[in-house]
């Protein structure tokens, strides 16, 4: 038994790919060497690929959430660059946590060091 790409079976001579009689037709094409088997990587490689895809997805999600977090102060007309170089700094995190807690007065935010 072998795994075959459906695209190859579709372009094989004969009839178009259908449903019920396909298994017999595909078996005959495979016996005659008209279908090339697909590469199936070893289990360890498949697991590594799964982890790589998961890491890529998590990195993409983290970037998306950071972008949303950077937009929050901008929507409130707060210039983060006056407080910190990025939202990853402690003072910027404290500012965001104070905003989430409902504190709107910048003078009461912990670690607030306004420029100017």
N, C-alpha and C. Protein backbone atom coordinates (compact mmCIF):
# COMPACT_ATOMS: atom_id res chain seq x y z
N UNK A 1 0.84 -1.17 0.00
CA UNK A 1 0.00 0.00 0.00
C UNK A 1 0.89 1.24 0.00
N UNK A 2 0.47 2.28 -0.70
CA UNK A 2 1.24 3.51 -0.74
C UNK A 2 0.31 4.71 -0.80
N UNK A 3 0.84 5.82 -0.37
CA UNK A 3 0.10 7.08 -0.39
C UNK A 3 0.41 7.77 -1.71
N UNK A 4 -0.65 8.21 -2.41
CA UNK A 4 -0.49 8.86 -3.71
C UNK A 4 -1.16 10.22 -3.66
N UNK A 5 -0.51 11.19 -4.27
CA UNK A 5 -1.09 12.52 -4.36
C UNK A 5 -2.29 12.48 -5.30
N UNK A 6 -3.43 13.01 -4.85
CA UNK A 6 -4.66 12.98 -5.65
C UNK A 6 -4.49 13.75 -6.95
N UNK A 7 -3.63 14.76 -6.95
CA UNK A 7 -3.40 15.53 -8.17
C UNK A 7 -2.80 14.65 -9.27
N UNK A 8 -1.91 13.74 -8.86
CA UNK A 8 -1.30 12.83 -9.84
C UNK A 8 -2.34 11.88 -10.41
N UNK A 9 -3.23 11.39 -9.56
CA UNK A 9 -4.27 10.48 -10.03
C UNK A 9 -5.24 11.20 -10.96
N UNK A 10 -5.46 12.46 -10.70
CA UNK A 10 -6.37 13.24 -11.52
C UNK A 10 -5.83 13.41 -12.94
N UNK A 11 -4.49 13.54 -13.05
CA UNK A 11 -3.88 13.78 -14.36
C UNK A 11 -3.47 12.49 -15.05
N UNK A 12 -3.72 11.36 -14.42
CA UNK A 12 -3.36 10.08 -15.04
C UNK A 12 -4.30 9.81 -16.22
N UNK A 13 -3.80 9.10 -17.23
CA UNK A 13 -4.65 8.81 -18.39
C UNK A 13 -5.79 7.86 -18.00
N UNK A 14 -6.87 7.95 -18.68
CA UNK A 14 -8.01 7.08 -18.39
C UNK A 14 -9.24 7.91 -18.16
N UNK A 15 -9.80 7.73 -17.03
CA UNK A 15 -11.04 8.46 -16.73
C UNK A 15 -10.83 9.42 -15.57
N UNK A 16 -11.72 10.35 -15.40
CA UNK A 16 -11.57 11.30 -14.28
C UNK A 16 -11.79 10.59 -12.94
N UNK A 17 -11.22 11.16 -11.92
CA UNK A 17 -11.30 10.60 -10.58
C UNK A 17 -12.75 10.68 -10.09
N UNK A 18 -13.31 9.53 -9.69
CA UNK A 18 -14.68 9.48 -9.18
C UNK A 18 -14.65 8.96 -7.74
N UNK A 19 -15.64 8.17 -7.33
CA UNK A 19 -15.67 7.73 -5.94
C UNK A 19 -15.53 6.22 -5.78
N UNK A 20 -16.57 5.47 -6.12
CA UNK A 20 -16.64 4.06 -5.74
C UNK A 20 -15.63 3.17 -6.46
N UNK A 21 -15.49 3.31 -7.76
CA UNK A 21 -14.59 2.45 -8.51
C UNK A 21 -13.15 2.96 -8.52
N UNK A 22 -12.92 4.06 -7.83
CA UNK A 22 -11.57 4.65 -7.80
C UNK A 22 -10.51 3.72 -7.24
N UNK A 23 -10.86 3.02 -6.18
CA UNK A 23 -9.84 2.19 -5.54
C UNK A 23 -9.30 1.14 -6.51
N UNK A 24 -10.18 0.54 -7.30
CA UNK A 24 -9.74 -0.47 -8.28
C UNK A 24 -8.90 0.20 -9.36
N UNK A 25 -9.38 1.34 -9.85
CA UNK A 25 -8.67 2.04 -10.93
C UNK A 25 -7.31 2.53 -10.47
N UNK A 26 -7.26 3.10 -9.25
CA UNK A 26 -5.99 3.59 -8.71
C UNK A 26 -5.02 2.43 -8.45
N UNK A 27 -5.56 1.29 -8.01
CA UNK A 27 -4.69 0.12 -7.80
C UNK A 27 -4.08 -0.33 -9.12
N UNK A 28 -4.87 -0.32 -10.19
CA UNK A 28 -4.35 -0.72 -11.51
C UNK A 28 -3.29 0.27 -11.99
N UNK A 29 -3.53 1.57 -11.80
CA UNK A 29 -2.55 2.58 -12.21
C UNK A 29 -1.25 2.41 -11.43
N UNK A 30 -1.38 2.09 -10.13
CA UNK A 30 -0.20 1.90 -9.29
C UNK A 30 0.57 0.66 -9.73
N UNK A 31 -0.13 -0.42 -10.04
CA UNK A 31 0.52 -1.65 -10.50
C UNK A 31 1.33 -1.41 -11.77
N UNK A 32 0.80 -0.56 -12.64
CA UNK A 32 1.47 -0.29 -13.92
C UNK A 32 2.55 0.79 -13.79
N UNK A 33 2.70 1.34 -12.58
CA UNK A 33 3.73 2.33 -12.34
C UNK A 33 3.40 3.72 -12.87
N UNK A 34 2.13 4.00 -13.05
CA UNK A 34 1.72 5.32 -13.56
C UNK A 34 1.55 6.36 -12.46
N UNK A 35 1.52 5.91 -11.21
CA UNK A 35 1.39 6.85 -10.09
C UNK A 35 2.64 6.77 -9.23
N UNK A 36 3.16 7.92 -8.92
CA UNK A 36 4.36 8.01 -8.10
C UNK A 36 3.95 8.09 -6.63
N UNK A 37 4.54 7.29 -5.76
CA UNK A 37 4.17 7.36 -4.34
C UNK A 37 4.64 8.68 -3.72
N UNK A 38 3.85 9.17 -2.79
CA UNK A 38 4.20 10.40 -2.09
C UNK A 38 5.22 10.09 -1.00
N UNK A 39 6.02 11.09 -0.69
CA UNK A 39 7.01 10.95 0.39
C UNK A 39 6.32 11.15 1.72
N UNK A 40 6.48 10.20 2.62
CA UNK A 40 5.95 10.33 3.97
C UNK A 40 7.17 10.34 4.90
N UNK A 41 7.43 11.48 5.53
CA UNK A 41 8.61 11.56 6.40
C UNK A 41 8.49 10.65 7.62
N UNK A 42 9.62 10.30 8.22
CA UNK A 42 9.57 9.48 9.43
C UNK A 42 8.82 10.18 10.56
N UNK A 43 8.40 9.40 11.53
CA UNK A 43 7.60 9.92 12.64
C UNK A 43 8.29 11.10 13.35
N UNK A 44 9.59 10.99 13.60
CA UNK A 44 10.31 12.05 14.31
C UNK A 44 10.25 13.37 13.53
N UNK A 45 10.36 13.28 12.22
CA UNK A 45 10.31 14.49 11.37
C UNK A 45 8.91 15.08 11.40
N UNK A 46 7.89 14.23 11.37
CA UNK A 46 6.51 14.73 11.42
C UNK A 46 6.24 15.44 12.74
N UNK A 47 6.75 14.87 13.84
CA UNK A 47 6.57 15.51 15.16
C UNK A 47 7.29 16.86 15.18
N UNK A 48 8.51 16.90 14.65
CA UNK A 48 9.25 18.16 14.61
C UNK A 48 8.52 19.20 13.76
N UNK A 49 7.95 18.78 12.64
CA UNK A 49 7.18 19.71 11.80
C UNK A 49 5.96 20.23 12.54
N UNK A 50 5.30 19.37 13.31
CA UNK A 50 4.14 19.82 14.11
C UNK A 50 4.55 20.87 15.12
N UNK A 51 5.66 20.63 15.81
CA UNK A 51 6.14 21.62 16.79
C UNK A 51 6.54 22.93 16.11
N UNK A 52 7.15 22.83 14.93
CA UNK A 52 7.56 24.03 14.21
C UNK A 52 6.33 24.84 13.80
N UNK A 53 5.30 24.15 13.30
CA UNK A 53 4.06 24.86 12.94
C UNK A 53 3.41 25.49 14.16
N UNK A 54 3.41 24.76 15.28
CA UNK A 54 2.82 25.30 16.51
C UNK A 54 3.58 26.54 16.96
N UNK A 55 4.91 26.50 16.90
CA UNK A 55 5.71 27.65 17.31
C UNK A 55 5.44 28.86 16.41
N UNK A 56 5.33 28.61 15.11
CA UNK A 56 5.01 29.68 14.17
C UNK A 56 3.66 30.29 14.49
N UNK A 57 2.66 29.45 14.77
CA UNK A 57 1.33 29.96 15.11
C UNK A 57 1.35 30.76 16.41
N UNK A 58 2.07 30.26 17.41
CA UNK A 58 2.14 30.98 18.69
C UNK A 58 2.86 32.32 18.54
N UNK A 59 3.92 32.35 17.73
CA UNK A 59 4.63 33.61 17.48
C UNK A 59 3.73 34.60 16.78
N UNK A 60 2.95 34.13 15.80
CA UNK A 60 2.02 34.99 15.08
C UNK A 60 0.95 35.55 16.04
N UNK A 61 0.42 34.69 16.92
CA UNK A 61 -0.57 35.12 17.90
C UNK A 61 0.01 36.14 18.87
N UNK A 62 1.25 35.90 19.34
CA UNK A 62 1.89 36.84 20.26
C UNK A 62 2.05 38.20 19.60
N UNK A 63 2.46 38.21 18.35
CA UNK A 63 2.62 39.48 17.62
C UNK A 63 1.28 40.19 17.47
N UNK A 64 0.23 39.41 17.20
CA UNK A 64 -1.11 40.00 17.05
C UNK A 64 -1.56 40.64 18.36
N UNK A 65 -1.34 39.94 19.48
CA UNK A 65 -1.75 40.50 20.78
C UNK A 65 -0.91 41.72 21.16
N UNK A 66 0.36 41.68 20.85
CA UNK A 66 1.20 42.86 21.14
C UNK A 66 0.73 44.07 20.34
N UNK A 67 0.36 43.86 19.09
CA UNK A 67 -0.15 44.96 18.27
C UNK A 67 -1.43 45.53 18.86
N UNK A 68 -2.31 44.64 19.32
CA UNK A 68 -3.55 45.11 19.94
C UNK A 68 -3.25 45.88 21.22
N UNK A 69 -2.27 45.39 21.99
CA UNK A 69 -1.90 46.05 23.24
C UNK A 69 -1.28 47.42 22.97
N UNK A 70 -0.52 47.55 21.90
CA UNK A 70 0.06 48.85 21.55
C UNK A 70 -1.01 49.83 21.09
N UNK A 71 -2.09 49.32 20.54
CA UNK A 71 -3.16 50.18 20.05
C UNK A 71 -4.00 50.74 21.20
N UNK A 72 -4.08 50.01 22.31
CA UNK A 72 -4.91 50.45 23.44
C UNK A 72 -4.55 51.85 23.93
N UNK A 73 -3.30 52.14 24.28
CA UNK A 73 -2.99 53.51 24.73
C UNK A 73 -3.20 54.55 23.63
N UNK A 74 -2.93 54.17 22.38
CA UNK A 74 -3.13 55.12 21.28
C UNK A 74 -4.60 55.50 21.17
N UNK A 75 -5.49 54.54 21.38
CA UNK A 75 -6.93 54.84 21.33
C UNK A 75 -7.36 55.77 22.47
N UNK A 76 -6.61 55.74 23.58
CA UNK A 76 -6.90 56.62 24.71
C UNK A 76 -6.10 57.92 24.65
N UNK A 77 -5.45 58.16 23.51
CA UNK A 77 -4.65 59.35 23.26
C UNK A 77 -3.48 59.47 24.25
N UNK A 78 -2.90 58.32 24.59
CA UNK A 78 -1.73 58.30 25.46
C UNK A 78 -0.52 57.98 24.61
N UNK A 79 0.48 58.80 24.72
CA UNK A 79 1.69 58.60 23.93
C UNK A 79 2.67 57.75 24.74
N UNK A 80 2.77 56.49 24.40
CA UNK A 80 3.62 55.55 25.15
C UNK A 80 5.08 55.96 25.03
N UNK A 81 5.48 56.52 23.91
CA UNK A 81 6.88 56.88 23.73
C UNK A 81 7.33 57.95 24.72
N UNK A 82 6.38 58.69 25.33
CA UNK A 82 6.74 59.68 26.35
C UNK A 82 7.06 58.99 27.68
N UNK A 83 6.63 57.75 27.83
CA UNK A 83 6.82 57.03 29.08
C UNK A 83 7.92 55.98 28.95
N UNK A 84 7.88 55.24 27.87
CA UNK A 84 8.81 54.11 27.72
C UNK A 84 9.13 53.90 26.26
N UNK A 85 10.23 53.19 26.03
CA UNK A 85 10.64 52.92 24.66
C UNK A 85 9.73 51.90 23.98
N UNK A 86 9.14 51.00 24.78
CA UNK A 86 8.21 50.02 24.23
C UNK A 86 7.27 49.55 25.34
N UNK A 87 6.27 48.78 24.96
CA UNK A 87 5.34 48.26 25.95
C UNK A 87 5.92 47.10 26.75
N UNK A 88 7.13 46.68 26.41
CA UNK A 88 7.76 45.57 27.13
C UNK A 88 8.45 46.03 28.41
N UNK A 89 8.57 47.33 28.63
CA UNK A 89 9.24 47.83 29.83
C UNK A 89 8.29 47.76 31.03
N UNK A 90 8.87 47.78 32.21
CA UNK A 90 8.08 47.66 33.45
C UNK A 90 7.12 48.83 33.61
N UNK A 91 7.55 50.05 33.32
CA UNK A 91 6.67 51.21 33.50
C UNK A 91 5.50 51.17 32.53
N UNK A 92 5.74 50.70 31.32
CA UNK A 92 4.65 50.61 30.36
C UNK A 92 3.66 49.52 30.77
N UNK A 93 4.18 48.40 31.27
CA UNK A 93 3.29 47.33 31.75
C UNK A 93 2.45 47.83 32.93
N UNK A 94 3.09 48.57 33.84
CA UNK A 94 2.35 49.12 34.98
C UNK A 94 1.25 50.08 34.51
N UNK A 95 1.58 50.87 33.50
CA UNK A 95 0.60 51.81 32.95
C UNK A 95 -0.59 51.05 32.38
N UNK A 96 -0.33 49.99 31.61
CA UNK A 96 -1.41 49.21 31.00
C UNK A 96 -2.23 48.52 32.08
N UNK A 97 -1.57 47.97 33.10
CA UNK A 97 -2.30 47.32 34.19
C UNK A 97 -3.19 48.32 34.94
N UNK A 98 -2.69 49.55 35.13
CA UNK A 98 -3.50 50.58 35.78
C UNK A 98 -4.70 50.94 34.92
N UNK A 99 -4.50 51.01 33.62
CA UNK A 99 -5.62 51.30 32.71
C UNK A 99 -6.66 50.18 32.77
N UNK A 100 -6.19 48.94 32.79
CA UNK A 100 -7.11 47.81 32.86
C UNK A 100 -7.88 47.83 34.18
N UNK A 101 -7.21 48.23 35.27
CA UNK A 101 -7.86 48.30 36.58
C UNK A 101 -8.83 49.47 36.69
N UNK A 102 -8.85 50.34 35.67
CA UNK A 102 -9.80 51.45 35.67
C UNK A 102 -9.20 52.77 36.10
N UNK A 103 -7.91 52.81 36.40
CA UNK A 103 -7.26 54.04 36.83
C UNK A 103 -7.00 54.93 35.61
N UNK A 104 -7.56 56.10 35.60
CA UNK A 104 -7.43 56.99 34.44
C UNK A 104 -6.51 58.19 34.72
N UNK A 105 -6.12 58.38 35.97
CA UNK A 105 -5.28 59.52 36.33
C UNK A 105 -3.81 59.11 36.27
N UNK A 106 -3.04 59.63 35.31
CA UNK A 106 -1.64 59.22 35.16
C UNK A 106 -0.79 59.53 36.38
N UNK A 107 -1.17 60.52 37.18
CA UNK A 107 -0.38 60.87 38.36
C UNK A 107 -0.41 59.75 39.40
N UNK A 108 -1.41 58.90 39.34
CA UNK A 108 -1.54 57.81 40.32
C UNK A 108 -0.99 56.48 39.82
N UNK A 109 -0.52 56.45 38.58
CA UNK A 109 0.02 55.19 38.04
C UNK A 109 1.36 54.89 38.71
N UNK A 110 1.59 53.64 39.07
CA UNK A 110 2.89 53.28 39.67
C UNK A 110 3.99 53.37 38.61
N UNK A 111 5.18 53.75 39.07
CA UNK A 111 6.36 53.87 38.20
C UNK A 111 6.14 54.83 37.04
N UNK A 112 5.30 55.83 37.21
CA UNK A 112 5.03 56.79 36.14
C UNK A 112 6.13 57.83 36.16
N UNK A 113 6.83 57.94 35.06
CA UNK A 113 7.89 58.94 34.91
C UNK A 113 7.66 59.68 33.62
N UNK A 114 6.81 60.65 33.67
CA UNK A 114 6.46 61.39 32.46
C UNK A 114 7.63 62.25 32.02
N UNK A 115 7.79 62.31 30.74
CA UNK A 115 8.85 63.17 30.18
C UNK A 115 8.37 64.61 30.22
N UNK A 116 9.29 65.48 30.47
CA UNK A 116 8.93 66.88 30.37
C UNK A 116 9.04 67.57 31.61
